[in-house]
Amino acid sequence: MGGMVRSGGRSGGVKAARRPEVRLPPLVDFGEGGLEPDGDYDGVRFGASVDLADASGRGARFMDCALEGCALDRAELVRARFIDSVLTGVRGVGTELAEASLRDVEVVDARLGGVQLHGAVLERVVVRGGKIDYLNLREARLTDVVFEGCVLAEPDFGGARLKRVEFRDCVLKRADFSAVRMEDVDLRGTAELDIARGVERLAGAVISPVQLMDLAPAFAAQIGVRVEA
């Protein structure tokens, strides 16, 4: 059975993201060897004993798959497609997912650093728990994406398009929103909102009154206003 979608409603005038509800079929354990470029993986479980570090799966397709505790250090997954899949406890540095496609995907308790997702397309994706450092989402397209209970340290959304994206109980540290385009982006639920660049690009987002006060100096600086006692 493939993934189901929980339809989104409205919260305070902003359209809520549509969340995936992935229902995996019985899975077959991944065998010996590594990934193959343009490989086709359907209903496969990649367990914690599977080491995908330095694997080359450029253009591979993962349908109804589970990646559980896999090492993804420097894995080359450019233009890979993940559909109706769950990634739990994956870990690694320098994972290459440029121009990848994630649709109806859940990412749970990931521990990643320097993930390259620039130019990627994320549709109905939930990132829950874990920590991702230096996440590169430049020029990516995010639609119906929820970041929940996770820590994003220095994420780069430069030039990305965000539509119906929610940040819930998560920490955003030194986020870069340069040249971003937003529509129905809900930032009110962040536990910490720290914007390094692009505060002037928040049109289309919803923030709380407390966040407005915290961001007031940055807003003032953008329009050339000096605030002095």
Foldseek 3Di string as FASTA:
>chain_A
DFKDWAAWDDDPRFTAFIAIHFDADQADEDDDDEADAQAEAARYEDELVHEHACGEHANHEHYSYEYYNYEQALHAHDQYEYGSYEYENYEYENREHDQHEYERYEYYQYHYENYHHDNHEYGNYEYEAHEYEAAEHDQYEYGRYEYERYEYAAYEPALYEYENYEYAQYEYHQYECHNYAAASYEPQRYPYDHHNYDPVRCVRYDYDPVVCVVCVVVVCVVVVHDDDD
